[in-house]
């Protein structure tokens, strides 16, 4: 998992850590596996991620020292909190996901009803991994929805403004 998280960091930046850490920590806490929330597990995980991404980041920083500020601050932190690029409302991604996921998204409502059913027979049939996927998807959706800037897909019309 840490190696794949490192590949995500190399591809999309430090957001990959947040998209793994929040759902995983919440899942462990909800399932009474709090011993795995100890700092040593997260330090090992972060160490594996860091060891995998460090060579590339060091090589880029040696070649272009201003990269750290430009990438981490401008393209990650400020874009998330400022809303300078593409401000949209909080709910923006929900219709995007539902319409973009057609025809499969038609099954979202029955699946959610199944996941949140209090019927004992239905609860016995549910797999914990389905709850984890729901948690992971929901937290990722909430994370990107909380961002002030939202990417709208093809942005060719706004590049030169």
Protein backbone atom coordinates (compact mmCIF):
# COMPACT_ATOMS: atom_id res chain seq x y z
CA UNK A 1 0.00 0.00 0.00
CA UNK A 2 2.80 2.41 0.86
CA UNK A 3 4.53 1.79 -2.47
CA UNK A 4 1.31 2.49 -4.36
CA UNK A 5 0.80 5.60 -2.23
CA UNK A 6 4.33 6.67 -3.22
CA UNK A 7 3.43 6.20 -6.89
CA UNK A 8 0.38 8.37 -6.26
CA UNK A 9 2.61 11.02 -4.68
CA UNK A 10 4.91 10.94 -7.69
CA UNK A 11 1.92 11.24 -10.01
CA UNK A 12 -0.35 13.74 -8.24
CA UNK A 13 1.64 15.08 -5.29
CA UNK A 14 1.09 14.88 -1.54
CA UNK A 15 -2.68 14.66 -1.96
CA UNK A 16 -2.15 10.90 -2.38
CA UNK A 17 -1.12 10.67 1.29
CA UNK A 18 -4.33 12.38 2.40
CA UNK A 19 -6.45 10.16 0.18
CA UNK A 20 -4.94 7.09 1.85
CA UNK A 21 -4.41 8.28 5.42
CA UNK A 22 -7.88 9.72 6.19
CA UNK A 23 -9.93 6.69 5.11
CA UNK A 24 -7.46 4.18 6.52
CA UNK A 25 -7.24 5.86 9.92
CA UNK A 26 -11.03 6.22 10.08
CA UNK A 27 -11.53 2.58 9.10
CA UNK A 28 -9.07 1.37 11.75
CA UNK A 29 -10.70 3.55 14.40
CA UNK A 30 -14.24 2.44 13.52
CA UNK A 31 -13.25 -1.23 13.52
CA UNK A 32 -11.62 -1.10 16.96
CA UNK A 33 -8.13 -1.64 15.51
CA UNK A 34 -6.76 1.35 17.37
CA UNK A 35 -3.43 -0.37 18.06
CA UNK A 36 -2.62 0.13 14.37
CA UNK A 37 -3.14 3.86 14.82
CA UNK A 38 0.04 4.12 16.87
CA UNK A 39 2.63 6.53 15.49
CA UNK A 40 5.16 3.79 14.74
CA UNK A 41 2.92 2.26 12.06
CA UNK A 42 2.44 5.64 10.43
CA UNK A 43 6.16 6.41 10.67
CA UNK A 44 7.02 3.16 8.91
CA UNK A 45 4.38 3.81 6.28
CA UNK A 46 5.60 7.38 5.78
CA UNK A 47 9.18 6.15 5.69
CA UNK A 48 8.42 3.74 2.86
CA UNK A 49 6.61 6.49 0.95
CA UNK A 50 9.43 8.94 1.63
CA UNK A 51 12.14 6.48 0.58
CA UNK A 52 10.33 5.80 -2.68
CA UNK A 53 9.67 9.44 -3.62
CA UNK A 54 12.83 11.07 -2.22
CA UNK A 55 15.17 10.27 -5.15
CA UNK A 56 12.90 11.97 -7.65
CA UNK A 57 12.16 15.02 -5.48
CA UNK A 58 15.85 15.44 -4.57
CA UNK A 59 16.87 15.19 -8.23
CA UNK A 60 14.32 17.83 -9.22
CA UNK A 61 15.29 20.13 -6.33
CA UNK A 62 18.97 19.91 -7.28
CA UNK A 63 18.12 20.86 -10.85
CA UNK A 64 15.46 23.47 -9.99
CA UNK A 65 15.58 24.76 -6.35
CA UNK A 66 12.38 26.86 -6.67
CA UNK A 67 10.41 23.69 -7.48
CA UNK A 68 9.58 22.98 -3.80
CA UNK A 69 7.74 26.26 -3.26
CA UNK A 70 6.12 26.24 -6.70
CA UNK A 71 4.88 22.63 -6.42
CA UNK A 72 4.03 22.19 -2.74
CA UNK A 73 2.81 25.68 -1.87
CA UNK A 74 1.37 27.13 -5.09
CA UNK A 75 0.07 24.00 -6.80
CA UNK A 76 -1.09 22.08 -3.75
CA UNK A 77 -1.69 24.19 -0.65
CA UNK A 78 -2.79 27.51 -2.16
CA UNK A 79 -4.88 25.88 -4.87
CA UNK A 80 -6.73 23.88 -2.20
CA UNK A 81 -7.46 26.76 0.17
CA UNK A 82 -7.63 29.90 -1.99
CA UNK A 83 -10.12 29.13 -4.73
CA UNK A 84 -8.26 31.33 -7.20
CA UNK A 85 -8.55 28.71 -9.93
CA UNK A 86 -12.01 27.39 -10.79
CA UNK A 87 -14.10 28.22 -7.68
CA UNK A 88 -17.17 25.98 -7.50
CA UNK A 89 -19.76 25.17 -4.79
CA UNK A 90 -19.19 22.34 -2.29
CA UNK A 91 -21.67 20.01 -4.03
CA UNK A 92 -20.05 20.42 -7.47
CA UNK A 93 -18.57 16.90 -7.75
CA UNK A 94 -21.71 14.98 -6.80
CA UNK A 95 -23.58 15.55 -10.08
CA UNK A 96 -20.28 15.21 -11.97
CA UNK A 97 -19.78 11.73 -10.49
CA UNK A 98 -23.38 10.68 -10.95
CA UNK A 99 -23.60 11.84 -14.57
CA UNK A 100 -20.08 10.75 -15.43
CA UNK A 101 -20.68 7.32 -13.94
CA UNK A 102 -23.76 6.55 -16.02
CA UNK A 103 -25.09 3.92 -16.52
CA UNK A 104 -23.41 2.42 -13.44
CA UNK A 105 -24.37 5.28 -11.15
CA UNK A 106 -28.02 4.23 -11.51
CA UNK A 107 -27.10 1.50 -9.02
CA UNK A 108 -25.74 3.98 -6.46
CA UNK A 109 -29.05 4.48 -4.63
CA UNK A 110 -29.91 0.74 -4.24
CA UNK A 111 -26.34 0.05 -3.13
CA UNK A 112 -26.45 2.83 -0.54
CA UNK A 113 -29.81 1.53 0.74
CA UNK A 114 -28.21 -1.91 1.06
CA UNK A 115 -25.16 -0.50 2.85
CA UNK A 116 -27.20 1.47 5.38
CA UNK A 117 -29.97 -1.07 5.91
CA UNK A 118 -30.70 -2.00 9.53
CA UNK A 119 -32.36 -5.29 8.55
CA UNK A 120 -30.49 -8.08 10.44
CA UNK A 121 -30.44 -10.40 7.42
CA UNK A 122 -29.04 -7.68 5.16
CA UNK A 123 -26.49 -6.71 7.81
CA UNK A 124 -25.32 -10.33 8.01
CA UNK A 125 -24.76 -10.41 4.23
CA UNK A 126 -22.75 -7.19 4.04
CA UNK A 127 -19.02 -7.47 3.62
CA UNK A 128 -16.77 -5.11 5.64
CA UNK A 129 -14.80 -4.31 2.50
CA UNK A 130 -17.91 -2.70 0.98
CA UNK A 131 -18.11 -0.38 3.97
CA UNK A 132 -14.45 0.47 3.53
CA UNK A 133 -15.01 1.34 -0.14
CA UNK A 134 -17.97 3.52 0.83
CA UNK A 135 -15.89 5.23 3.52
CA UNK A 136 -12.92 5.69 1.19
CA UNK A 137 -15.04 7.05 -1.66
CA UNK A 138 -17.04 9.30 0.65
CA UNK A 139 -13.96 10.76 2.33
CA UNK A 140 -12.25 11.33 -1.03
CA UNK A 141 -15.38 13.05 -2.33
CA UNK A 142 -15.57 15.17 0.84
CA UNK A 143 -11.85 16.03 0.60
CA UNK A 144 -12.07 17.27 -2.98
CA UNK A 145 -15.42 18.96 -2.31
CA UNK A 146 -13.84 20.89 0.56
CA UNK A 147 -11.21 22.32 -1.80
CA UNK A 148 -11.89 25.88 -2.84
CA UNK A 149 -10.76 25.16 -6.41
CA UNK A 150 -12.36 22.41 -8.44
CA UNK A 151 -11.07 21.14 -11.75
CA UNK A 152 -13.79 21.01 -14.38
CA UNK A 153 -12.20 18.52 -16.78
CA UNK A 154 -11.13 20.05 -20.12
CA UNK A 155 -9.90 23.47 -19.16
CA UNK A 156 -8.75 24.59 -22.61
CA UNK A 157 -11.15 27.58 -22.60
CA UNK A 158 -9.72 29.03 -19.37
CA UNK A 159 -5.99 28.57 -19.92
CA UNK A 160 -5.29 31.99 -21.38
CA UNK A 161 -7.45 34.15 -19.13
